[in-house]
N, C-alpha and C. Protein backbone atom coordinates (compact mmCIF):
# COMPACT_ATOMS: atom_id res chain seq x y z
N MET A 1 0.84 -1.18 0.00
CA MET A 1 0.00 0.00 0.00
C MET A 1 0.89 1.25 0.00
N THR A 2 0.57 2.21 -0.85
CA THR A 2 1.35 3.42 -0.97
C THR A 2 0.74 4.53 -0.13
N ASP A 3 1.59 5.27 0.60
CA ASP A 3 1.11 6.43 1.35
C ASP A 3 0.72 7.53 0.39
N SER A 4 -0.39 8.16 0.63
CA SER A 4 -0.87 9.24 -0.24
C SER A 4 -0.51 10.59 0.37
N PRO A 5 -0.14 11.56 -0.48
CA PRO A 5 0.12 12.90 0.03
C PRO A 5 -1.16 13.68 0.30
N VAL A 6 -2.30 13.05 0.03
CA VAL A 6 -3.60 13.70 0.21
C VAL A 6 -4.36 12.97 1.31
N ALA A 7 -4.86 13.74 2.29
CA ALA A 7 -5.68 13.16 3.35
C ALA A 7 -7.08 13.74 3.24
N ARG A 8 -8.09 12.91 3.38
CA ARG A 8 -9.49 13.35 3.30
C ARG A 8 -10.20 12.97 4.59
N THR A 9 -10.86 13.96 5.20
CA THR A 9 -11.58 13.75 6.44
C THR A 9 -12.99 14.28 6.27
N THR A 10 -13.99 13.46 6.54
CA THR A 10 -15.37 13.91 6.47
C THR A 10 -15.67 14.72 7.72
N LEU A 11 -16.06 15.98 7.54
CA LEU A 11 -16.39 16.85 8.66
C LEU A 11 -17.87 16.83 8.97
N MET A 12 -18.70 16.56 7.96
CA MET A 12 -20.14 16.52 8.16
C MET A 12 -20.75 15.68 7.04
N ASP A 13 -21.74 14.89 7.38
CA ASP A 13 -22.52 14.13 6.41
C ASP A 13 -23.98 14.35 6.78
N GLN A 14 -24.59 15.38 6.21
CA GLN A 14 -25.91 15.86 6.62
C GLN A 14 -26.99 15.42 5.65
N LYS A 15 -28.02 14.75 6.16
CA LYS A 15 -29.18 14.40 5.34
C LYS A 15 -30.02 15.65 5.11
N LEU A 16 -30.59 15.77 3.92
CA LEU A 16 -31.48 16.87 3.58
C LEU A 16 -32.89 16.34 3.41
N ALA A 17 -33.87 17.24 3.50
CA ALA A 17 -35.27 16.85 3.29
C ALA A 17 -35.40 16.20 1.92
N ALA A 18 -36.22 15.17 1.82
CA ALA A 18 -36.36 14.41 0.58
C ALA A 18 -36.80 15.28 -0.59
N VAL A 19 -37.55 16.34 -0.32
CA VAL A 19 -38.06 17.18 -1.41
C VAL A 19 -37.18 18.39 -1.69
N THR A 20 -35.97 18.42 -1.12
CA THR A 20 -35.08 19.55 -1.35
C THR A 20 -34.67 19.60 -2.81
N SER A 21 -34.91 20.72 -3.45
CA SER A 21 -34.51 20.93 -4.83
C SER A 21 -33.48 22.04 -4.85
N VAL A 22 -32.30 21.75 -5.38
CA VAL A 22 -31.22 22.72 -5.40
C VAL A 22 -30.75 22.88 -6.84
N SER A 23 -30.77 24.13 -7.32
CA SER A 23 -30.25 24.38 -8.67
C SER A 23 -28.91 25.10 -8.63
N HIS A 24 -28.61 25.76 -7.51
CA HIS A 24 -27.32 26.43 -7.39
C HIS A 24 -26.97 26.67 -5.92
N VAL A 25 -25.70 26.94 -5.69
CA VAL A 25 -25.20 27.21 -4.35
C VAL A 25 -24.49 28.56 -4.40
N GLU A 26 -24.86 29.44 -3.47
CA GLU A 26 -24.18 30.73 -3.35
C GLU A 26 -23.31 30.67 -2.10
N VAL A 27 -22.04 31.02 -2.26
CA VAL A 27 -21.10 31.00 -1.14
C VAL A 27 -20.77 32.44 -0.79
N ARG A 28 -20.93 32.76 0.51
CA ARG A 28 -20.64 34.12 0.98
C ARG A 28 -19.66 34.06 2.14
N ARG A 29 -18.73 35.03 2.17
CA ARG A 29 -17.88 35.22 3.35
C ARG A 29 -18.58 36.29 4.18
N ILE A 30 -18.90 35.95 5.42
CA ILE A 30 -19.69 36.82 6.30
C ILE A 30 -18.86 37.15 7.54
N SER A 31 -18.81 38.42 7.89
CA SER A 31 -18.10 38.88 9.08
C SER A 31 -19.10 39.48 10.06
N ILE A 32 -18.95 39.13 11.33
CA ILE A 32 -19.82 39.64 12.38
C ILE A 32 -18.93 40.24 13.47
N ALA A 33 -19.28 41.45 13.91
CA ALA A 33 -18.50 42.17 14.93
C ALA A 33 -18.54 41.44 16.28
N PRO A 34 -17.56 41.75 17.13
CA PRO A 34 -17.55 41.17 18.48
C PRO A 34 -18.82 41.53 19.26
N ALA A 35 -19.18 40.68 20.20
CA ALA A 35 -20.31 40.90 21.11
C ALA A 35 -21.61 41.19 20.38
N THR A 36 -21.84 40.47 19.29
CA THR A 36 -23.08 40.62 18.52
C THR A 36 -24.01 39.45 18.81
N THR A 37 -25.24 39.76 19.19
CA THR A 37 -26.27 38.74 19.35
C THR A 37 -26.99 38.63 18.02
N GLY A 38 -26.86 37.48 17.39
CA GLY A 38 -27.41 37.30 16.05
C GLY A 38 -28.91 37.39 15.98
N GLY A 39 -29.59 36.95 17.00
CA GLY A 39 -31.05 36.96 17.01
C GLY A 39 -31.62 35.72 16.34
N ALA A 40 -32.74 35.25 16.87
CA ALA A 40 -33.40 34.07 16.31
C ALA A 40 -33.81 34.37 14.87
N HIS A 41 -33.54 33.41 13.97
CA HIS A 41 -33.83 33.63 12.56
C HIS A 41 -34.02 32.31 11.82
N THR A 42 -34.57 32.42 10.62
CA THR A 42 -34.71 31.28 9.72
C THR A 42 -34.16 31.67 8.35
N HIS A 43 -33.89 30.66 7.54
CA HIS A 43 -33.44 30.87 6.16
C HIS A 43 -34.42 30.17 5.21
N ASN A 44 -34.47 30.65 3.97
CA ASN A 44 -35.37 30.08 2.97
C ASN A 44 -34.81 28.83 2.31
N GLY A 45 -33.64 28.43 2.66
CA GLY A 45 -33.04 27.20 2.14
C GLY A 45 -32.00 26.71 3.13
N PRO A 46 -31.54 25.49 2.96
CA PRO A 46 -30.52 24.97 3.86
C PRO A 46 -29.24 25.78 3.74
N VAL A 47 -28.55 25.96 4.87
CA VAL A 47 -27.28 26.68 4.89
C VAL A 47 -26.24 25.81 5.59
N PHE A 48 -25.10 25.67 4.94
CA PHE A 48 -23.95 25.02 5.54
C PHE A 48 -22.90 26.10 5.76
N GLY A 49 -22.05 25.92 6.74
CA GLY A 49 -21.03 26.92 6.98
C GLY A 49 -19.77 26.36 7.59
N THR A 50 -18.71 27.14 7.47
CA THR A 50 -17.41 26.83 8.07
C THR A 50 -16.89 28.09 8.74
N ILE A 51 -16.55 27.98 10.01
CA ILE A 51 -15.97 29.11 10.73
C ILE A 51 -14.52 29.26 10.29
N GLU A 52 -14.18 30.46 9.81
CA GLU A 52 -12.80 30.72 9.40
C GLU A 52 -11.97 31.28 10.56
N SER A 53 -12.56 32.20 11.34
CA SER A 53 -11.85 32.78 12.49
C SER A 53 -12.87 33.23 13.51
N GLY A 54 -12.41 33.30 14.77
CA GLY A 54 -13.31 33.68 15.86
C GLY A 54 -14.13 32.50 16.32
N SER A 55 -15.20 32.81 17.06
CA SER A 55 -16.09 31.76 17.55
C SER A 55 -17.49 32.31 17.74
N VAL A 56 -18.47 31.42 17.73
CA VAL A 56 -19.87 31.79 17.97
C VAL A 56 -20.51 30.75 18.86
N THR A 57 -21.50 31.20 19.64
CA THR A 57 -22.39 30.28 20.34
C THR A 57 -23.53 30.00 19.38
N PHE A 58 -23.77 28.73 19.10
CA PHE A 58 -24.70 28.29 18.07
C PHE A 58 -25.76 27.39 18.69
N GLN A 59 -27.02 27.61 18.30
CA GLN A 59 -28.12 26.78 18.81
C GLN A 59 -29.23 26.71 17.77
N ILE A 60 -29.71 25.52 17.51
CA ILE A 60 -30.86 25.30 16.64
C ILE A 60 -32.06 25.03 17.55
N GLY A 61 -33.13 25.84 17.40
CA GLY A 61 -34.34 25.66 18.21
C GLY A 61 -34.02 25.67 19.69
N THR A 62 -34.50 24.63 20.39
CA THR A 62 -34.23 24.51 21.82
C THR A 62 -33.13 23.47 22.08
N GLY A 63 -32.39 23.14 21.03
CA GLY A 63 -31.31 22.16 21.16
C GLY A 63 -30.17 22.66 22.02
N THR A 64 -29.15 21.87 22.11
CA THR A 64 -27.98 22.19 22.92
C THR A 64 -27.18 23.33 22.30
N GLU A 65 -26.77 24.28 23.12
CA GLU A 65 -25.87 25.35 22.67
C GLU A 65 -24.48 24.75 22.53
N ILE A 66 -23.81 25.10 21.43
CA ILE A 66 -22.43 24.68 21.26
C ILE A 66 -21.61 25.89 20.83
N VAL A 67 -20.32 25.82 21.07
CA VAL A 67 -19.41 26.87 20.62
C VAL A 67 -18.69 26.36 19.38
N LEU A 68 -18.81 27.12 18.30
CA LEU A 68 -18.13 26.80 17.06
C LEU A 68 -16.88 27.66 16.96
N ARG A 69 -15.76 27.04 16.62
CA ARG A 69 -14.48 27.75 16.50
C ARG A 69 -13.92 27.54 15.09
N ALA A 70 -12.83 28.24 14.81
CA ALA A 70 -12.20 28.15 13.49
C ALA A 70 -12.03 26.69 13.08
N GLY A 71 -12.48 26.38 11.86
CA GLY A 71 -12.40 25.03 11.33
C GLY A 71 -13.65 24.21 11.54
N ASP A 72 -14.54 24.62 12.46
CA ASP A 72 -15.78 23.89 12.69
C ASP A 72 -16.79 24.15 11.58
N VAL A 73 -17.64 23.16 11.33
CA VAL A 73 -18.69 23.28 10.33
C VAL A 73 -20.04 23.24 11.02
N PHE A 74 -21.06 23.80 10.34
CA PHE A 74 -22.41 23.80 10.91
C PHE A 74 -23.44 23.71 9.80
N TYR A 75 -24.67 23.40 10.21
CA TYR A 75 -25.80 23.24 9.29
C TYR A 75 -27.02 23.92 9.90
N GLU A 76 -27.69 24.74 9.08
CA GLU A 76 -28.94 25.39 9.47
C GLU A 76 -30.03 24.92 8.50
N PRO A 77 -30.96 24.09 8.95
CA PRO A 77 -32.01 23.60 8.06
C PRO A 77 -32.93 24.73 7.59
N ALA A 78 -33.47 24.60 6.41
CA ALA A 78 -34.41 25.58 5.88
C ALA A 78 -35.63 25.68 6.77
N GLY A 79 -36.05 26.91 7.07
CA GLY A 79 -37.29 27.13 7.81
C GLY A 79 -37.26 26.78 9.28
N VAL A 80 -36.13 26.36 9.80
CA VAL A 80 -36.01 25.99 11.21
C VAL A 80 -35.32 27.14 11.95
N VAL A 81 -35.81 27.46 13.13
CA VAL A 81 -35.27 28.61 13.88
C VAL A 81 -33.86 28.32 14.38
N VAL A 82 -32.95 29.21 13.99
CA VAL A 82 -31.60 29.23 14.56
C VAL A 82 -31.71 30.20 15.73
N SER A 83 -31.66 29.67 16.94
CA SER A 83 -31.89 30.47 18.14
C SER A 83 -30.71 31.36 18.48
N LYS A 84 -29.50 30.85 18.24
CA LYS A 84 -28.30 31.62 18.58
C LYS A 84 -27.24 31.46 17.51
N PHE A 85 -26.64 32.59 17.18
CA PHE A 85 -25.42 32.65 16.38
C PHE A 85 -24.72 33.90 16.87
N ASP A 86 -24.21 33.82 18.09
CA ASP A 86 -23.73 34.98 18.85
C ASP A 86 -22.21 34.97 18.96
N THR A 87 -21.60 36.12 18.70
CA THR A 87 -20.15 36.23 18.85
C THR A 87 -19.80 36.58 20.29
N ALA A 88 -18.54 36.32 20.62
CA ALA A 88 -18.04 36.65 21.96
C ALA A 88 -17.17 37.90 21.87
N ALA A 89 -15.99 37.86 22.45
CA ALA A 89 -15.13 39.04 22.54
C ALA A 89 -14.41 39.37 21.23
N GLU A 90 -14.39 38.41 20.30
CA GLU A 90 -13.71 38.68 19.03
C GLU A 90 -14.71 38.58 17.88
N PRO A 91 -14.38 39.18 16.74
CA PRO A 91 -15.26 39.05 15.59
C PRO A 91 -15.21 37.61 15.06
N VAL A 92 -16.18 37.25 14.25
CA VAL A 92 -16.17 35.95 13.59
C VAL A 92 -16.27 36.17 12.09
N VAL A 93 -15.57 35.33 11.36
CA VAL A 93 -15.67 35.30 9.91
C VAL A 93 -15.99 33.86 9.54
N PHE A 94 -17.02 33.69 8.70
CA PHE A 94 -17.36 32.34 8.28
C PHE A 94 -17.78 32.33 6.82
N LEU A 95 -17.69 31.16 6.22
CA LEU A 95 -18.20 30.95 4.87
C LEU A 95 -19.57 30.32 5.01
N GLY A 96 -20.57 30.90 4.34
CA GLY A 96 -21.92 30.36 4.32
C GLY A 96 -22.22 29.83 2.93
N TYR A 97 -22.67 28.59 2.85
CA TYR A 97 -23.03 27.95 1.59
C TYR A 97 -24.55 27.83 1.56
N PHE A 98 -25.18 28.62 0.71
CA PHE A 98 -26.64 28.71 0.63
C PHE A 98 -27.13 27.86 -0.54
N LEU A 99 -27.88 26.79 -0.24
CA LEU A 99 -28.43 25.91 -1.27
C LEU A 99 -29.76 26.49 -1.72
N LEU A 100 -29.90 26.75 -3.02
CA LEU A 100 -31.04 27.52 -3.52
C LEU A 100 -31.72 26.88 -4.72
N ASN A 101 -33.02 27.17 -4.85
CA ASN A 101 -33.79 26.76 -6.02
C ASN A 101 -33.58 27.76 -7.15
N ASP A 102 -34.08 27.44 -8.34
CA ASP A 102 -34.01 28.37 -9.48
C ASP A 102 -34.57 29.73 -9.12
N GLY A 103 -33.81 30.78 -9.39
CA GLY A 103 -34.27 32.15 -9.19
C GLY A 103 -34.26 32.63 -7.75
N ALA A 104 -33.95 31.77 -6.81
CA ALA A 104 -33.96 32.16 -5.39
C ALA A 104 -32.65 32.83 -5.00
N VAL A 105 -32.76 33.73 -4.04
CA VAL A 105 -31.60 34.36 -3.42
C VAL A 105 -31.65 34.06 -1.92
N PRO A 106 -30.51 34.05 -1.24
CA PRO A 106 -30.54 33.78 0.20
C PRO A 106 -31.35 34.82 0.95
N GLU A 107 -32.22 34.35 1.82
CA GLU A 107 -33.02 35.24 2.65
C GLU A 107 -32.90 34.84 4.11
N ILE A 108 -32.94 35.84 4.96
CA ILE A 108 -32.94 35.61 6.40
C ILE A 108 -34.13 36.37 6.97
N GLU A 109 -34.87 35.69 7.85
CA GLU A 109 -36.02 36.32 8.49
C GLU A 109 -35.83 36.21 9.99
N PHE A 110 -35.80 37.36 10.67
CA PHE A 110 -35.63 37.37 12.12
C PHE A 110 -36.99 37.10 12.76
N THR A 111 -36.99 36.22 13.75
CA THR A 111 -38.26 35.76 14.34
C THR A 111 -38.52 36.35 15.71
N SER A 112 -37.59 37.15 16.23
CA SER A 112 -37.83 37.76 17.54
C SER A 112 -37.50 39.22 17.54
């Protein structure tokens, strides 16, 4: 067996709703200032993300709060309340991957 110079690690394997229709993916680099409370919100399509720098407290619905740090990945299901996406003492920069239908653009709706 030959050693490969390439290593592959699965960071997330997320099931999507059976009726999810995706025609394109929009990738955005998003920066949030320190000590920002993101506020409860939903998206019009599934969102995947990777924290590039900083950290956030992340919570879906009434689920467990977790802290995401640089290199961590996350998933926000379409139409489900993201209760927390709050920064601490430093800013956060992350890549958001928005899965969209034909003609759709990423939307965020604040619920509180």
